[in-house]
Amino acid sequence: MTMFKCHVCGHHAAKSELVSEVFNLAGRRVLVERIPAQVCEHCGEATFSRETTEAIRQMLHGAGQPVKTVPLDVFAMA
Protein backbone atom coordinates (compact mmCIF):
# COMPACT_ATOMS: atom_id res chain seq x y z
CA MET A 1 0.00 0.00 0.00
CA THR A 2 1.33 3.43 -0.99
CA MET A 3 1.45 6.11 1.67
CA PHE A 4 -0.30 9.33 0.69
CA LYS A 5 1.69 12.57 0.82
CA CYS A 6 0.05 15.74 -0.48
CA HIS A 7 2.21 17.39 -3.14
CA VAL A 8 0.86 20.83 -2.11
CA CYS A 9 1.07 20.91 1.70
CA GLY A 10 2.96 17.70 2.56
CA HIS A 11 0.34 16.25 4.91
CA HIS A 12 -0.32 12.49 4.96
CA ALA A 13 -4.07 12.24 5.68
CA ALA A 14 -6.43 11.79 2.71
CA LYS A 15 -9.94 10.58 2.07
CA SER A 16 -11.42 8.97 -1.04
CA GLU A 17 -13.95 11.19 -2.79
CA LEU A 18 -15.56 11.75 -6.17
CA VAL A 19 -14.57 15.21 -7.45
CA SER A 20 -15.20 17.42 -10.45
CA GLU A 21 -12.38 19.04 -12.42
CA VAL A 22 -12.27 21.53 -15.31
CA PHE A 23 -9.69 20.84 -18.03
CA ASN A 24 -8.56 23.24 -20.75
CA LEU A 25 -8.29 21.57 -24.18
CA ALA A 26 -7.00 23.90 -26.89
CA GLY A 27 -8.87 26.87 -25.40
CA ARG A 28 -12.04 24.88 -24.70
CA ARG A 29 -13.08 24.24 -21.11
CA VAL A 30 -14.31 20.73 -20.31
CA LEU A 31 -15.83 19.60 -17.01
CA VAL A 32 -15.34 16.00 -15.87
CA GLU A 33 -17.55 14.93 -12.96
CA ARG A 34 -17.36 12.00 -10.53
CA ILE A 35 -13.58 11.51 -10.76
CA PRO A 36 -12.27 9.13 -8.07
CA ALA A 37 -9.56 10.96 -6.12
CA GLN A 38 -7.59 11.04 -2.91
CA VAL A 39 -8.35 14.41 -1.31
CA CYS A 40 -5.95 15.86 1.25
CA GLU A 41 -7.74 16.31 4.57
CA HIS A 42 -5.61 19.37 5.36
CA CYS A 43 -5.69 21.54 2.20
CA GLY A 44 -8.31 19.82 0.00
CA GLU A 45 -6.01 19.15 -2.96
CA ALA A 46 -7.27 16.25 -5.11
CA THR A 47 -4.81 13.66 -6.40
CA PHE A 48 -5.65 11.15 -9.14
CA SER A 49 -4.14 7.71 -9.70
CA ARG A 50 -2.21 7.02 -12.90
CA GLU A 51 -5.05 4.82 -14.10
CA THR A 52 -7.62 7.56 -13.49
CA THR A 53 -5.44 10.17 -15.20
CA GLU A 54 -5.06 7.93 -18.24
CA ALA A 55 -8.81 7.21 -18.36
CA ILE A 56 -9.52 10.98 -18.29
CA ARG A 57 -6.95 11.58 -21.04
CA GLN A 58 -8.52 8.92 -23.26
CA MET A 59 -12.05 10.19 -22.58
CA LEU A 60 -11.16 13.78 -23.47
CA HIS A 61 -9.22 12.84 -26.59
CA GLY A 62 -11.90 10.89 -28.38
CA ALA A 63 -12.80 7.74 -26.45
CA GLY A 64 -15.80 9.34 -24.76
CA GLN A 65 -18.77 11.56 -25.49
CA PRO A 66 -20.13 14.29 -23.20
CA VAL A 67 -23.19 13.31 -21.16
CA LYS A 68 -24.47 16.90 -21.40
CA THR A 69 -23.50 20.41 -22.49
CA VAL A 70 -24.09 23.44 -20.28
CA PRO A 71 -23.64 27.20 -20.78
CA LEU A 72 -20.78 28.80 -18.86
CA ASP A 73 -20.58 32.37 -17.57
CA VAL A 74 -17.06 33.83 -17.75
CA PHE A 75 -15.84 36.64 -15.52
CA ALA A 76 -12.46 38.39 -15.56
CA MET A 77 -10.78 40.29 -12.75
CA ALA A 78 -9.78 43.84 -13.75
C-alpha atoms as a PDB file:
ATOM      1  CA  MET A   1       0.000   0.000   0.000  1.00  0.00           C
ATOM      2  CA  THR A   2       1.334   3.429  -0.985  1.00  0.00           C
ATOM      3  CA  MET A   3       1.447   6.106   1.673  1.00  0.00           C
ATOM      4  CA  PHE A   4      -0.300   9.334   0.689  1.00  0.00           C
ATOM      5  CA  LYS A   5       1.685  12.568   0.819  1.00  0.00           C
ATOM      6  CA  CYS A   6       0.051  15.743  -0.475  1.00  0.00           C
ATOM      7  CA  HIS A   7       2.214  17.389  -3.136  1.00  0.00           C
ATOM      8  CA  VAL A   8       0.861  20.825  -2.107  1.00  0.00           C
ATOM      9  CA  CYS A   9       1.067  20.910   1.702  1.00  0.00           C
ATOM     10  CA  GLY A  10       2.956  17.700   2.559  1.00  0.00           C
ATOM     11  CA  HIS A  11       0.337  16.248   4.906  1.00  0.00           C
ATOM     12  CA  HIS A  12      -0.322  12.492   4.960  1.00  0.00           C
ATOM     13  CA  ALA A  13      -4.065  12.236   5.677  1.00  0.00           C
ATOM     14  CA  ALA A  14      -6.429  11.790   2.712  1.00  0.00           C
ATOM     15  CA  LYS A  15      -9.942  10.577   2.065  1.00  0.00           C
ATOM     16  CA  SER A  16     -11.420   8.967  -1.041  1.00  0.00           C
ATOM     17  CA  GLU A  17     -13.949  11.195  -2.788  1.00  0.00           C
ATOM     18  CA  LEU A  18     -15.557  11.754  -6.168  1.00  0.00           C
ATOM     19  CA  VAL A  19     -14.575  15.210  -7.447  1.00  0.00           C
ATOM     20  CA  SER A  20     -15.201  17.419 -10.451  1.00  0.00           C
ATOM     21  CA  GLU A  21     -12.377  19.045 -12.416  1.00  0.00           C
ATOM     22  CA  VAL A  22     -12.265  21.533 -15.305  1.00  0.00           C
ATOM     23  CA  PHE A  23      -9.688  20.843 -18.025  1.00  0.00           C
ATOM     24  CA  ASN A  24      -8.555  23.237 -20.748  1.00  0.00           C
ATOM     25  CA  LEU A  25      -8.290  21.571 -24.178  1.00  0.00           C
ATOM     26  CA  ALA A  26      -6.999  23.905 -26.893  1.00  0.00           C
ATOM     27  CA  GLY A  27      -8.869  26.865 -25.405  1.00  0.00           C
ATOM     28  CA  ARG A  28     -12.038  24.878 -24.701  1.00  0.00           C
ATOM     29  CA  ARG A  29     -13.076  24.238 -21.110  1.00  0.00           C
ATOM     30  CA  VAL A  30     -14.315  20.732 -20.311  1.00  0.00           C
ATOM     31  CA  LEU A  31     -15.834  19.599 -17.007  1.00  0.00           C
ATOM     32  CA  VAL A  32     -15.343  16.002 -15.867  1.00  0.00           C
ATOM     33  CA  GLU A  33     -17.547  14.930 -12.958  1.00  0.00           C
ATOM     34  CA  ARG A  34     -17.359  12.004 -10.531  1.00  0.00           C
ATOM     35  CA  ILE A  35     -13.581  11.512 -10.757  1.00  0.00           C
ATOM     36  CA  PRO A  36     -12.273   9.130  -8.066  1.00  0.00           C
ATOM     37  CA  ALA A  37      -9.559  10.959  -6.121  1.00  0.00           C
ATOM     38  CA  GLN A  38      -7.594  11.038  -2.912  1.00  0.00           C
ATOM     39  CA  VAL A  39      -8.345  14.409  -1.311  1.00  0.00           C
ATOM     40  CA  CYS A  40      -5.952  15.864   1.253  1.00  0.00           C
ATOM     41  CA  GLU A  41      -7.741  16.311   4.574  1.00  0.00           C
ATOM     42  CA  HIS A  42      -5.613  19.375   5.356  1.00  0.00           C
ATOM     43  CA  CYS A  43      -5.695  21.536   2.200  1.00  0.00           C
ATOM     44  CA  GLY A  44      -8.315  19.822   0.002  1.00  0.00           C
ATOM     45  CA  GLU A  45      -6.012  19.148  -2.960  1.00  0.00           C
ATOM     46  CA  ALA A  46      -7.273  16.254  -5.109  1.00  0.00           C
ATOM     47  CA  THR A  47      -4.810  13.659  -6.402  1.00  0.00           C
ATOM     48  CA  PHE A  48      -5.654  11.148  -9.143  1.00  0.00           C
ATOM     49  CA  SER A  49      -4.139   7.714  -9.699  1.00  0.00           C
ATOM     50  CA  ARG A  50      -2.212   7.022 -12.899  1.00  0.00           C
ATOM     51  CA  GLU A  51      -5.053   4.819 -14.100  1.00  0.00           C
ATOM     52  CA  THR A  52      -7.625   7.558 -13.492  1.00  0.00           C
ATOM     53  CA  THR A  53      -5.439  10.169 -15.195  1.00  0.00           C
ATOM     54  CA  GLU A  54      -5.063   7.925 -18.244  1.00  0.00           C
ATOM     55  CA  ALA A  55      -8.811   7.215 -18.356  1.00  0.00           C
ATOM     56  CA  ILE A  56      -9.515  10.977 -18.292  1.00  0.00           C
ATOM     57  CA  ARG A  57      -6.951  11.578 -21.040  1.00  0.00           C
ATOM     58  CA  GLN A  58      -8.522   8.924 -23.261  1.00  0.00           C
ATOM     59  CA  MET A  59     -12.046  10.190 -22.577  1.00  0.00           C
ATOM     60  CA  LEU A  60     -11.164  13.780 -23.470  1.00  0.00           C
ATOM     61  CA  HIS A  61      -9.216  12.845 -26.589  1.00  0.00           C
ATOM     62  CA  GLY A  62     -11.905  10.889 -28.379  1.00  0.00           C
ATOM     63  CA  ALA A  63     -12.802   7.736 -26.453  1.00  0.00           C
ATOM     64  CA  GLY A  64     -15.799   9.336 -24.759  1.00  0.00           C
ATOM     65  CA  GLN A  65     -18.772  11.560 -25.487  1.00  0.00           C
ATOM     66  CA  PRO A  66     -20.129  14.290 -23.199  1.00  0.00           C
ATOM     67  CA  VAL A  67     -23.191  13.311 -21.165  1.00  0.00           C
ATOM     68  CA  LYS A  68     -24.470  16.903 -21.396  1.00  0.00           C
ATOM     69  CA  THR A  69     -23.497  20.409 -22.492  1.00  0.00           C
ATOM     70  CA  VAL A  70     -24.087  23.444 -20.283  1.00  0.00           C
ATOM     71  CA  PRO A  71     -23.635  27.197 -20.781  1.00  0.00           C
ATOM     72  CA  LEU A  72     -20.783  28.797 -18.857  1.00  0.00           C
ATOM     73  CA  ASP A  73     -20.575  32.373 -17.574  1.00  0.00           C
ATOM     74  CA  VAL A  74     -17.062  33.829 -17.751  1.00  0.00           C
ATOM     75  CA  PHE A  75     -15.840  36.639 -15.524  1.00  0.00           C
ATOM     76  CA  ALA A  76     -12.456  38.385 -15.555  1.00  0.00           C
ATOM     77  CA  MET A  77     -10.783  40.291 -12.753  1.00  0.00           C
ATOM     78  CA  ALA A  78      -9.777  43.843 -13.754  1.00  0.00           C
END
